[in-house]
Amino acid sequence: MKRLRFALVGLVVAALGILGASAASAATSTTYSVQYNVAVVVGIGQAIGGCGAAPCNFGTVVPGSVSTSNTDALVINSNDSNGFQVNATTSAATFTETGGTGCTPNSGNTVPSTSVQLSPAAVSGGTGGTNGTPAATFGLSTTATNFWSAPPTTTGNSIIENLGLAILAPATTHPNSASCSYTVPMTFTISAL
């Protein structure tokens, strides 16, 4: 019986020692972390004003001479302070005259896509960063051409690019058939840097 008592007392002392050690080593704080990402968001669309209506109508132009300039106001949004770039491209190197009712297109009446001249500008309306260094005026082509030699790094939801547009139809451009016109589509693509 004496042995049993000593064994029980030993077990109780051991249990109390374990509890005491646990209480003594209990932490008063712990460190944990969270991880998350913020997606880069850039977008482009037509702004109100300028030549925002499609198509941007230049009326009658004189072949071999640069037309008067129109402005296509583009609205850009970007949350990326690393910058963004916009490029212009078109679907074909030449376009045949087209039209609605009364137009019978002549397949010989074509214009090169490069007859559309684009003159990028520095952007405005952003916060912080830079407004970009515009590239030189260029003719629209099937190869994507960047708007800025040094891309803008400004951010915001109402960044404005006032893109200058003009027509430089070659001197050999044929007059349009009745009710027809030359229409050249443009695609503007924005990307984050």
N, C-alpha and C. Protein backbone atom coordinates (compact mmCIF):
# COMPACT_ATOMS: atom_id res chain seq x y z
N MET A 1 0.81 -1.17 0.00
CA MET A 1 0.00 0.00 0.00
C MET A 1 0.87 1.26 0.00
N LYS A 2 1.94 1.18 0.75
CA LYS A 2 2.85 2.28 0.80
C LYS A 2 3.42 2.57 -0.60
N ARG A 3 3.69 1.49 -1.29
CA ARG A 3 4.22 1.65 -2.63
C ARG A 3 3.18 2.28 -3.54
N LEU A 4 1.95 1.89 -3.38
CA LEU A 4 0.88 2.45 -4.19
C LEU A 4 0.73 3.94 -3.94
N ARG A 5 0.85 4.33 -2.66
CA ARG A 5 0.76 5.73 -2.32
C ARG A 5 1.89 6.53 -2.95
N PHE A 6 3.07 6.00 -2.90
CA PHE A 6 4.21 6.68 -3.51
C PHE A 6 4.05 6.79 -5.03
N ALA A 7 3.50 5.74 -5.61
CA ALA A 7 3.28 5.75 -7.05
C ALA A 7 2.24 6.79 -7.43
N LEU A 8 1.13 6.85 -6.63
CA LEU A 8 0.09 7.85 -6.90
C LEU A 8 0.60 9.25 -6.70
N VAL A 9 1.34 9.45 -5.62
CA VAL A 9 1.91 10.77 -5.35
C VAL A 9 2.87 11.14 -6.48
N GLY A 10 3.65 10.20 -6.97
CA GLY A 10 4.58 10.46 -8.07
C GLY A 10 3.86 10.84 -9.36
N LEU A 11 2.73 10.15 -9.62
CA LEU A 11 1.96 10.48 -10.80
C LEU A 11 1.35 11.86 -10.71
N VAL A 12 0.82 12.20 -9.54
CA VAL A 12 0.22 13.53 -9.33
C VAL A 12 1.28 14.61 -9.48
N VAL A 13 2.45 14.41 -8.91
CA VAL A 13 3.54 15.40 -9.01
C VAL A 13 3.97 15.56 -10.48
N ALA A 14 4.05 14.42 -11.18
CA ALA A 14 4.45 14.49 -12.60
C ALA A 14 3.40 15.25 -13.42
N ALA A 15 2.12 14.97 -13.16
CA ALA A 15 1.05 15.66 -13.89
C ALA A 15 1.08 17.15 -13.60
N LEU A 16 1.26 17.51 -12.33
CA LEU A 16 1.33 18.94 -11.98
C LEU A 16 2.54 19.60 -12.61
N GLY A 17 3.63 18.88 -12.72
CA GLY A 17 4.84 19.42 -13.36
C GLY A 17 4.61 19.70 -14.84
N ILE A 18 3.88 18.79 -15.49
CA ILE A 18 3.59 18.99 -16.92
C ILE A 18 2.69 20.20 -17.11
N LEU A 19 1.64 20.31 -16.27
CA LEU A 19 0.74 21.47 -16.35
C LEU A 19 1.47 22.77 -16.08
N GLY A 20 2.32 22.75 -15.09
CA GLY A 20 3.09 23.95 -14.75
C GLY A 20 4.03 24.35 -15.87
N ALA A 21 4.67 23.36 -16.47
CA ALA A 21 5.59 23.65 -17.57
C ALA A 21 4.82 24.19 -18.77
N SER A 22 3.62 23.64 -19.04
CA SER A 22 2.81 24.14 -20.14
C SER A 22 2.41 25.58 -19.91
N ALA A 23 2.00 25.90 -18.71
CA ALA A 23 1.59 27.26 -18.39
C ALA A 23 2.77 28.21 -18.49
N ALA A 24 3.95 27.76 -18.08
CA ALA A 24 5.14 28.61 -18.11
C ALA A 24 5.59 28.87 -19.54
N SER A 25 5.33 27.92 -20.46
CA SER A 25 5.80 28.10 -21.82
C SER A 25 4.72 28.65 -22.76
N ALA A 26 3.52 28.94 -22.27
CA ALA A 26 2.44 29.46 -23.11
C ALA A 26 2.84 30.84 -23.64
N ALA A 27 2.67 31.07 -24.97
CA ALA A 27 3.04 32.34 -25.60
C ALA A 27 2.01 33.41 -25.26
N THR A 28 2.46 34.63 -25.21
CA THR A 28 1.55 35.76 -24.97
C THR A 28 1.16 36.44 -26.27
N SER A 29 1.82 36.06 -27.39
CA SER A 29 1.45 36.58 -28.70
C SER A 29 1.91 35.61 -29.78
N THR A 30 1.36 35.78 -30.94
CA THR A 30 1.77 34.96 -32.08
C THR A 30 1.81 35.85 -33.31
N THR A 31 2.62 35.48 -34.25
CA THR A 31 2.75 36.27 -35.48
C THR A 31 2.19 35.45 -36.64
N TYR A 32 1.39 36.12 -37.47
CA TYR A 32 0.78 35.48 -38.62
C TYR A 32 0.80 36.49 -39.75
N SER A 33 0.76 36.06 -40.95
CA SER A 33 0.76 37.01 -42.06
C SER A 33 -0.32 36.67 -43.07
N VAL A 34 -0.69 37.66 -43.87
CA VAL A 34 -1.63 37.46 -44.96
C VAL A 34 -0.92 37.86 -46.25
N GLN A 35 -1.40 37.34 -47.34
CA GLN A 35 -0.82 37.68 -48.64
C GLN A 35 -1.96 37.99 -49.60
N TYR A 36 -1.79 39.03 -50.42
CA TYR A 36 -2.80 39.37 -51.41
C TYR A 36 -2.14 40.06 -52.58
N ASN A 37 -2.85 40.13 -53.68
CA ASN A 37 -2.36 40.77 -54.89
C ASN A 37 -3.34 41.87 -55.32
N VAL A 38 -2.83 42.85 -55.99
CA VAL A 38 -3.67 43.88 -56.62
C VAL A 38 -3.41 43.76 -58.12
N ALA A 39 -4.44 43.48 -58.87
CA ALA A 39 -4.29 43.30 -60.31
C ALA A 39 -4.02 44.63 -60.99
N VAL A 40 -3.18 44.61 -62.00
CA VAL A 40 -2.95 45.78 -62.84
C VAL A 40 -4.19 45.94 -63.72
N VAL A 41 -4.72 47.14 -63.75
CA VAL A 41 -5.90 47.41 -64.56
C VAL A 41 -5.61 48.59 -65.48
N VAL A 42 -5.69 48.35 -66.78
CA VAL A 42 -5.58 49.42 -67.76
C VAL A 42 -6.72 49.27 -68.75
N GLY A 43 -7.23 50.37 -69.24
CA GLY A 43 -8.33 50.33 -70.21
C GLY A 43 -8.30 51.55 -71.09
N ILE A 44 -8.99 51.46 -72.23
CA ILE A 44 -9.03 52.57 -73.18
C ILE A 44 -10.41 52.62 -73.82
N GLY A 45 -10.88 53.82 -74.13
CA GLY A 45 -12.17 54.00 -74.79
C GLY A 45 -12.23 55.37 -75.43
N GLN A 46 -13.32 55.64 -76.09
CA GLN A 46 -13.52 56.94 -76.73
C GLN A 46 -14.04 57.94 -75.70
N ALA A 47 -13.45 59.11 -75.68
CA ALA A 47 -13.91 60.18 -74.81
C ALA A 47 -14.97 60.99 -75.55
N ILE A 48 -15.69 61.78 -74.82
CA ILE A 48 -16.68 62.66 -75.44
C ILE A 48 -15.93 63.85 -76.02
N GLY A 49 -16.29 64.23 -77.22
CA GLY A 49 -15.63 65.37 -77.85
C GLY A 49 -14.62 64.90 -78.87
N GLY A 50 -14.05 65.82 -79.55
CA GLY A 50 -13.09 65.47 -80.58
C GLY A 50 -13.77 64.71 -81.70
N CYS A 51 -13.08 63.75 -82.22
CA CYS A 51 -13.59 62.95 -83.34
C CYS A 51 -14.07 61.60 -82.82
N GLY A 52 -14.70 61.57 -81.66
CA GLY A 52 -15.10 60.33 -81.01
C GLY A 52 -16.12 59.53 -81.76
N ALA A 53 -16.87 60.15 -82.68
CA ALA A 53 -17.88 59.40 -83.44
C ALA A 53 -17.17 58.52 -84.47
N ALA A 54 -17.73 57.36 -84.72
CA ALA A 54 -17.14 56.48 -85.72
C ALA A 54 -18.03 56.46 -86.95
N PRO A 55 -17.54 56.62 -88.14
CA PRO A 55 -16.14 56.95 -88.40
C PRO A 55 -15.86 58.44 -88.23
N CYS A 56 -14.61 58.75 -88.04
CA CYS A 56 -14.16 60.14 -87.96
C CYS A 56 -14.15 60.66 -89.39
N ASN A 57 -15.11 61.51 -89.73
CA ASN A 57 -15.31 61.92 -91.11
C ASN A 57 -14.49 63.16 -91.46
N PHE A 58 -13.60 63.02 -92.43
CA PHE A 58 -12.77 64.13 -92.89
C PHE A 58 -13.37 64.85 -94.09
N GLY A 59 -14.48 64.34 -94.59
CA GLY A 59 -15.08 64.95 -95.77
C GLY A 59 -14.20 64.75 -96.98
N THR A 60 -14.17 65.72 -97.87
CA THR A 60 -13.38 65.63 -99.10
C THR A 60 -11.97 66.12 -98.83
N VAL A 61 -10.99 65.33 -99.22
CA VAL A 61 -9.59 65.71 -99.04
C VAL A 61 -8.94 65.85 -100.41
N VAL A 62 -7.80 66.52 -100.46
CA VAL A 62 -7.06 66.73 -101.70
C VAL A 62 -5.89 65.73 -101.73
N PRO A 63 -5.90 64.79 -102.68
CA PRO A 63 -4.80 63.82 -102.76
C PRO A 63 -3.45 64.53 -102.88
N GLY A 64 -2.47 64.01 -102.18
CA GLY A 64 -1.12 64.57 -102.22
C GLY A 64 -0.90 65.67 -101.20
N SER A 65 -1.95 66.12 -100.50
CA SER A 65 -1.84 67.17 -99.49
C SER A 65 -2.36 66.64 -98.15
N VAL A 66 -1.76 67.10 -97.08
CA VAL A 66 -2.23 66.71 -95.75
C VAL A 66 -3.53 67.45 -95.45
N SER A 67 -4.53 66.70 -95.01
CA SER A 67 -5.82 67.31 -94.67
C SER A 67 -5.70 68.14 -93.39
N THR A 68 -6.75 68.84 -93.07
CA THR A 68 -6.80 69.48 -91.76
C THR A 68 -6.82 68.37 -90.72
N SER A 69 -6.40 68.70 -89.54
CA SER A 69 -6.29 67.70 -88.47
C SER A 69 -7.57 67.61 -87.65
N ASN A 70 -7.90 66.41 -87.25
CA ASN A 70 -8.97 66.16 -86.29
C ASN A 70 -8.33 65.57 -85.04
N THR A 71 -9.03 65.66 -83.93
CA THR A 71 -8.54 65.08 -82.68
C THR A 71 -9.47 63.96 -82.26
N ASP A 72 -8.87 62.81 -81.99
CA ASP A 72 -9.62 61.68 -81.44
C ASP A 72 -9.26 61.63 -79.96
N ALA A 73 -10.19 62.02 -79.11
CA ALA A 73 -9.94 62.03 -77.66
C ALA A 73 -10.19 60.64 -77.11
N LEU A 74 -9.14 60.04 -76.59
CA LEU A 74 -9.22 58.72 -75.99
C LEU A 74 -9.15 58.86 -74.47
N VAL A 75 -9.96 58.12 -73.76
CA VAL A 75 -9.90 58.14 -72.29
C VAL A 75 -9.26 56.83 -71.83
N ILE A 76 -8.29 56.98 -70.95
CA ILE A 76 -7.49 55.85 -70.48
C ILE A 76 -7.63 55.76 -68.97
N ASN A 77 -7.69 54.53 -68.46
CA ASN A 77 -7.58 54.35 -67.01
C ASN A 77 -6.41 53.41 -66.74
N SER A 78 -5.67 53.72 -65.70
CA SER A 78 -4.52 52.90 -65.34
C SER A 78 -4.25 53.05 -63.85
N ASN A 79 -4.00 51.92 -63.19
CA ASN A 79 -3.57 51.96 -61.79
C ASN A 79 -2.12 51.52 -61.68
N ASP A 80 -1.43 51.46 -62.80
CA ASP A 80 -0.06 50.95 -62.83
C ASP A 80 0.95 52.08 -62.96
N SER A 81 1.63 52.39 -61.86
CA SER A 81 2.61 53.48 -61.89
C SER A 81 3.89 53.08 -62.65
N ASN A 82 3.98 51.82 -63.08
CA ASN A 82 5.09 51.42 -63.95
C ASN A 82 4.88 51.92 -65.37
N GLY A 83 3.63 52.30 -65.68
CA GLY A 83 3.35 52.88 -66.98
C GLY A 83 2.47 52.01 -67.85
N PHE A 84 2.09 52.59 -68.98
CA PHE A 84 1.27 51.90 -69.96
C PHE A 84 1.68 52.37 -71.35
N GLN A 85 1.31 51.57 -72.34
CA GLN A 85 1.60 51.92 -73.72
C GLN A 85 0.36 51.63 -74.55
N VAL A 86 0.08 52.49 -75.52
CA VAL A 86 -1.01 52.28 -76.46
C VAL A 86 -0.37 52.15 -77.84
N ASN A 87 -0.88 51.21 -78.63
CA ASN A 87 -0.41 51.12 -80.00
C ASN A 87 -1.60 51.13 -80.94
N ALA A 88 -1.32 51.48 -82.19
CA ALA A 88 -2.35 51.54 -83.23
C ALA A 88 -2.00 50.54 -84.32
N THR A 89 -3.03 49.92 -84.84
CA THR A 89 -2.86 48.98 -85.95
C THR A 89 -4.14 48.96 -86.78
N THR A 90 -4.07 48.34 -87.94
CA THR A 90 -5.25 48.15 -88.77
C THR A 90 -5.21 46.76 -89.37
N SER A 91 -6.28 46.36 -90.00
CA SER A 91 -6.43 44.97 -90.44
C SER A 91 -5.86 44.66 -91.82
N ALA A 92 -5.56 45.67 -92.62
CA ALA A 92 -5.05 45.43 -93.98
C ALA A 92 -4.17 46.59 -94.42
N ALA A 93 -3.34 46.34 -95.42
CA ALA A 93 -2.45 47.38 -95.94
C ALA A 93 -3.16 48.32 -96.91
N THR A 94 -4.22 47.84 -97.56
CA THR A 94 -5.00 48.68 -98.48
C THR A 94 -6.48 48.45 -98.26
N PHE A 95 -7.25 49.48 -98.59
CA PHE A 95 -8.71 49.41 -98.43
C PHE A 95 -9.39 49.91 -99.69
N THR A 96 -10.43 49.18 -100.10
CA THR A 96 -11.23 49.54 -101.26
C THR A 96 -12.40 50.39 -100.80
N GLU A 97 -12.80 51.33 -101.64
CA GLU A 97 -13.93 52.17 -101.28
C GLU A 97 -15.16 51.31 -100.94
N THR A 98 -15.99 51.82 -100.03
CA THR A 98 -17.22 51.14 -99.62
C THR A 98 -18.30 52.19 -99.45
N GLY A 99 -19.49 51.72 -99.19
CA GLY A 99 -20.58 52.66 -98.95
C GLY A 99 -21.90 51.96 -98.80
N GLY A 100 -22.90 52.72 -98.52
CA GLY A 100 -24.25 52.20 -98.34
C GLY A 100 -25.04 52.25 -99.63
N THR A 101 -26.31 52.58 -99.51
CA THR A 101 -27.22 52.64 -100.64
C THR A 101 -26.68 53.57 -101.73
N GLY A 102 -26.65 53.08 -102.96
CA GLY A 102 -26.19 53.90 -104.08
C GLY A 102 -24.73 53.73 -104.40
N CYS A 103 -23.98 53.06 -103.53
CA CYS A 103 -22.54 52.87 -103.78
C CYS A 103 -22.31 51.55 -104.50
N THR A 104 -21.66 51.64 -105.64
CA THR A 104 -21.20 50.44 -106.34
C THR A 104 -19.68 50.54 -106.36
N PRO A 105 -19.01 49.89 -105.37
CA PRO A 105 -17.56 50.04 -105.25
C PRO A 105 -16.80 49.61 -106.49
N ASN A 106 -15.78 50.37 -106.81
CA ASN A 106 -14.87 50.05 -107.90
C ASN A 106 -13.63 49.43 -107.23
N SER A 107 -13.31 48.18 -107.59
CA SER A 107 -12.19 47.48 -106.95
C SER A 107 -10.85 48.16 -107.21
N GLY A 108 -10.79 49.03 -108.19
CA GLY A 108 -9.56 49.77 -108.47
C GLY A 108 -9.39 51.01 -107.59
N ASN A 109 -10.44 51.38 -106.90
CA ASN A 109 -10.37 52.56 -106.03
C ASN A 109 -9.96 52.12 -104.62
N THR A 110 -8.65 52.22 -104.38
CA THR A 110 -8.09 51.79 -103.09
C THR A 110 -7.20 52.87 -102.51
N VAL A 111 -6.99 52.78 -101.22
CA VAL A 111 -6.05 53.66 -100.52
C VAL A 111 -5.20 52.81 -99.58
N PRO A 112 -3.95 53.22 -99.36
CA PRO A 112 -3.13 52.51 -98.39
C PRO A 112 -3.52 52.91 -96.96
N SER A 113 -3.36 51.99 -96.04
CA SER A 113 -3.68 52.31 -94.64
C SER A 113 -2.82 53.47 -94.14
N THR A 114 -1.61 53.60 -94.69
CA THR A 114 -0.70 54.67 -94.25
C THR A 114 -1.19 56.06 -94.61
N SER A 115 -2.27 56.15 -95.40
CA SER A 115 -2.84 57.47 -95.69
C SER A 115 -3.44 58.10 -94.44
N VAL A 116 -3.70 57.29 -93.42
CA VAL A 116 -4.18 57.81 -92.13
C VAL A 116 -2.94 58.12 -91.29
N GLN A 117 -2.77 59.38 -90.96
CA GLN A 117 -1.61 59.84 -90.20
C GLN A 117 -2.01 60.08 -88.75
N LEU A 118 -1.27 59.48 -87.82
CA LEU A 118 -1.55 59.61 -86.39
C LEU A 118 -0.45 60.43 -85.72
N SER A 119 -0.85 61.38 -84.88
CA SER A 119 0.09 62.22 -84.14
C SER A 119 -0.23 62.13 -82.66
N PRO A 120 0.44 61.23 -81.94
CA PRO A 120 0.18 61.09 -80.51
C PRO A 120 0.58 62.36 -79.75
N ALA A 121 0.01 62.52 -78.57
CA ALA A 121 0.33 63.64 -77.69
C ALA A 121 0.66 63.11 -76.30
N ALA A 122 1.24 63.95 -75.47
CA ALA A 122 1.41 63.59 -74.06
C ALA A 122 0.02 63.55 -73.44
N VAL A 123 -0.20 62.64 -72.51
CA VAL A 123 -1.51 62.52 -71.88
C VAL A 123 -1.71 63.62 -70.83
N SER A 124 -2.95 63.80 -70.41
CA SER A 124 -3.27 64.75 -69.34
C SER A 124 -4.33 64.13 -68.45
N GLY A 125 -4.50 64.69 -67.27
CA GLY A 125 -5.58 64.26 -66.38
C GLY A 125 -5.24 63.16 -65.41
N GLY A 126 -3.98 62.71 -65.38
CA GLY A 126 -3.59 61.67 -64.44
C GLY A 126 -3.03 62.26 -63.15
N THR A 127 -2.65 61.37 -62.25
CA THR A 127 -2.08 61.77 -60.97
C THR A 127 -0.66 61.23 -60.85
N GLY A 128 0.29 62.12 -60.58
CA GLY A 128 1.68 61.70 -60.40
C GLY A 128 2.29 61.18 -61.67
N GLY A 129 3.51 60.69 -61.56
CA GLY A 129 4.18 60.09 -62.70
C GLY A 129 4.45 61.07 -63.82
N THR A 130 4.63 60.52 -65.02
CA THR A 130 4.93 61.34 -66.19
C THR A 130 3.80 61.21 -67.21
N ASN A 131 3.74 62.14 -68.14
CA ASN A 131 2.68 62.15 -69.16
C ASN A 131 3.12 61.54 -70.49
N GLY A 132 4.32 61.03 -70.55
CA GLY A 132 4.81 60.35 -71.75
C GLY A 132 5.42 61.30 -72.76
N THR A 133 6.34 60.77 -73.56
CA THR A 133 6.95 61.51 -74.65
C THR A 133 6.38 60.95 -75.95
N PRO A 134 5.61 61.76 -76.69
CA PRO A 134 4.95 61.26 -77.90
C PRO A 134 5.94 60.81 -78.98
N ALA A 135 5.56 59.75 -79.67
CA ALA A 135 6.31 59.31 -80.85
C ALA A 135 6.04 60.31 -81.98
N ALA A 136 6.86 60.29 -82.99
CA ALA A 136 6.65 61.14 -84.16
C ALA A 136 5.40 60.69 -84.91
N THR A 137 4.82 61.59 -85.68
CA THR A 137 3.66 61.26 -86.52
C THR A 137 4.00 60.04 -87.37
N PHE A 138 3.02 59.12 -87.48
CA PHE A 138 3.25 57.91 -88.25
C PHE A 138 2.01 57.53 -89.05
N GLY A 139 2.23 56.78 -90.12
CA GLY A 139 1.13 56.27 -90.93
C GLY A 139 0.62 54.96 -90.35
N LEU A 140 -0.68 54.80 -90.31
CA LEU A 140 -1.31 53.58 -89.79
C LEU A 140 -0.90 52.38 -90.63
N SER A 141 -0.59 51.28 -89.96
CA SER A 141 -0.19 50.08 -90.71
C SER A 141 -0.67 48.82 -90.00
N THR A 142 -0.37 47.69 -90.62
CA THR A 142 -0.73 46.40 -90.02
C THR A 142 0.24 46.01 -88.91
N THR A 143 1.34 46.74 -88.80
CA THR A 143 2.29 46.54 -87.70
C THR A 143 1.94 47.52 -86.58
N ALA A 144 1.77 47.00 -85.38
CA ALA A 144 1.43 47.85 -84.24
C ALA A 144 2.51 48.90 -84.02
N THR A 145 2.09 50.15 -83.91
CA THR A 145 3.02 51.27 -83.70
C THR A 145 2.66 51.96 -82.39
N ASN A 146 3.67 52.12 -81.51
CA ASN A 146 3.45 52.71 -80.19
C ASN A 146 3.22 54.21 -80.26
N PHE A 147 2.41 54.71 -79.33
CA PHE A 147 2.11 56.14 -79.23
C PHE A 147 3.26 56.93 -78.61
N TRP A 148 3.99 56.34 -77.68
CA TRP A 148 5.00 57.11 -76.94
C TRP A 148 6.36 56.45 -76.99
N SER A 149 7.40 57.27 -77.18
CA SER A 149 8.76 56.76 -77.12
C SER A 149 9.16 56.55 -75.66
N ALA A 150 8.63 57.36 -74.77
CA ALA A 150 8.77 57.16 -73.32
C ALA A 150 7.34 57.11 -72.77
N PRO A 151 6.85 55.93 -72.41
CA PRO A 151 5.45 55.76 -72.01
C PRO A 151 5.07 56.54 -70.75
N PRO A 152 3.80 56.94 -70.64
CA PRO A 152 3.32 57.62 -69.45
C PRO A 152 3.34 56.69 -68.23
N THR A 153 3.57 57.28 -67.06
CA THR A 153 3.52 56.52 -65.80
C THR A 153 2.47 57.09 -64.85
N THR A 154 1.70 58.05 -65.32
CA THR A 154 0.65 58.64 -64.50
C THR A 154 -0.46 57.62 -64.28
N THR A 155 -1.26 57.81 -63.24
CA THR A 155 -2.36 56.89 -62.96
C THR A 155 -3.67 57.68 -62.83
N GLY A 156 -4.78 56.97 -62.97
CA GLY A 156 -6.09 57.61 -62.82
C GLY A 156 -7.12 56.95 -63.70
N ASN A 157 -8.37 57.41 -63.56
CA ASN A 157 -9.49 56.85 -64.32
C ASN A 157 -9.94 57.73 -65.48
N SER A 158 -9.39 58.92 -65.60
CA SER A 158 -9.80 59.83 -66.67
C SER A 158 -8.59 60.47 -67.33
N ILE A 159 -7.63 59.66 -67.69
CA ILE A 159 -6.43 60.14 -68.38
C ILE A 159 -6.84 60.35 -69.85
N ILE A 160 -6.50 61.49 -70.41
CA ILE A 160 -6.92 61.82 -71.77
C ILE A 160 -5.72 61.83 -72.72
N GLU A 161 -5.88 61.13 -73.84
CA GLU A 161 -4.92 61.17 -74.93
C GLU A 161 -5.61 61.85 -76.11
N ASN A 162 -5.16 63.04 -76.47
CA ASN A 162 -5.71 63.77 -77.61
C ASN A 162 -4.89 63.42 -78.85
N LEU A 163 -5.29 62.33 -79.49
CA LEU A 163 -4.58 61.82 -80.66
C LEU A 163 -4.95 62.63 -81.89
N GLY A 164 -3.95 63.22 -82.52
CA GLY A 164 -4.17 63.95 -83.76
C GLY A 164 -4.30 63.00 -84.94
N LEU A 165 -5.30 63.24 -85.79
CA LEU A 165 -5.51 62.43 -86.98
C LEU A 165 -5.56 63.34 -88.20
N ALA A 166 -4.93 62.89 -89.28
CA ALA A 166 -4.99 63.62 -90.55
C ALA A 166 -4.94 62.59 -91.67
N ILE A 167 -5.32 63.03 -92.86
CA ILE A 167 -5.30 62.17 -94.03
C ILE A 167 -4.25 62.70 -95.00
N LEU A 168 -3.40 61.80 -95.47
CA LEU A 168 -2.43 62.11 -96.51
C LEU A 168 -2.61 61.06 -97.60
N ALA A 169 -3.65 61.26 -98.41
CA ALA A 169 -3.93 60.33 -99.51
C ALA A 169 -2.90 60.55 -100.61
N PRO A 170 -2.36 59.47 -101.16
CA PRO A 170 -1.38 59.64 -102.24
C PRO A 170 -1.96 60.47 -103.40
N ALA A 171 -1.10 61.18 -104.09
CA ALA A 171 -1.52 62.03 -105.21
C ALA A 171 -2.23 61.22 -106.29
N THR A 172 -1.98 59.92 -106.34
CA THR A 172 -2.58 59.06 -107.37
C THR A 172 -3.92 58.45 -106.93
N THR A 173 -4.44 58.86 -105.79
CA THR A 173 -5.70 58.29 -105.28
C THR A 173 -6.85 58.63 -106.22
N HIS A 174 -7.62 57.60 -106.58
CA HIS A 174 -8.77 57.79 -107.47
C HIS A 174 -9.92 58.45 -106.72
N PRO A 175 -10.68 59.31 -107.44
CA PRO A 175 -11.90 59.85 -106.84
C PRO A 175 -12.87 58.70 -106.56
N ASN A 176 -13.68 58.87 -105.54
CA ASN A 176 -14.65 57.83 -105.19
C ASN A 176 -15.78 57.74 -106.19
N SER A 177 -16.33 56.55 -106.31
CA SER A 177 -17.55 56.34 -107.09
C SER A 177 -18.70 57.00 -106.32
N ALA A 178 -19.82 57.24 -107.00
CA ALA A 178 -20.97 57.90 -106.37
C ALA A 178 -21.38 57.17 -105.09
N SER A 179 -21.61 57.94 -104.04
CA SER A 179 -22.07 57.46 -102.72
C SER A 179 -21.08 56.53 -102.02
N CYS A 180 -19.85 56.46 -102.48
CA CYS A 180 -18.82 55.62 -101.85
C CYS A 180 -17.80 56.50 -101.13
N SER A 181 -17.05 55.89 -100.23
CA SER A 181 -15.97 56.60 -99.54
C SER A 181 -14.91 55.59 -99.12
N TYR A 182 -13.77 56.11 -98.74
CA TYR A 182 -12.70 55.26 -98.22
C TYR A 182 -12.86 55.22 -96.69
N THR A 183 -12.93 54.02 -96.15
CA THR A 183 -13.05 53.85 -94.70
C THR A 183 -11.91 52.95 -94.24
N VAL A 184 -11.12 53.45 -93.31
CA VAL A 184 -9.96 52.70 -92.79
C VAL A 184 -10.17 52.46 -91.30
N PRO A 185 -10.34 51.21 -90.88
CA PRO A 185 -10.54 50.93 -89.45
C PRO A 185 -9.22 51.00 -88.68
N MET A 186 -9.30 51.43 -87.44
CA MET A 186 -8.13 51.50 -86.56
C MET A 186 -8.44 50.74 -85.28
N THR A 187 -7.44 50.07 -84.75
CA THR A 187 -7.57 49.41 -83.46
C THR A 187 -6.50 49.98 -82.54
N PHE A 188 -6.92 50.44 -81.37
CA PHE A 188 -5.99 50.95 -80.36
C PHE A 188 -5.95 49.92 -79.24
N THR A 189 -4.75 49.49 -78.89
CA THR A 189 -4.58 48.48 -77.85
C THR A 189 -3.69 49.05 -76.75
N ILE A 190 -4.14 48.89 -75.50
CA ILE A 190 -3.37 49.38 -74.36
C ILE A 190 -2.80 48.19 -73.60
N SER A 191 -1.61 48.39 -73.07
CA SER A 191 -0.98 47.34 -72.26
C SER A 191 -0.25 47.99 -71.09
N ALA A 192 -0.23 47.27 -69.98
CA ALA A 192 0.53 47.71 -68.82
C ALA A 192 1.99 47.33 -69.02
N LEU A 193 2.88 48.10 -68.43
CA LEU A 193 4.33 47.80 -68.57
C LEU A 193 4.84 47.07 -67.37
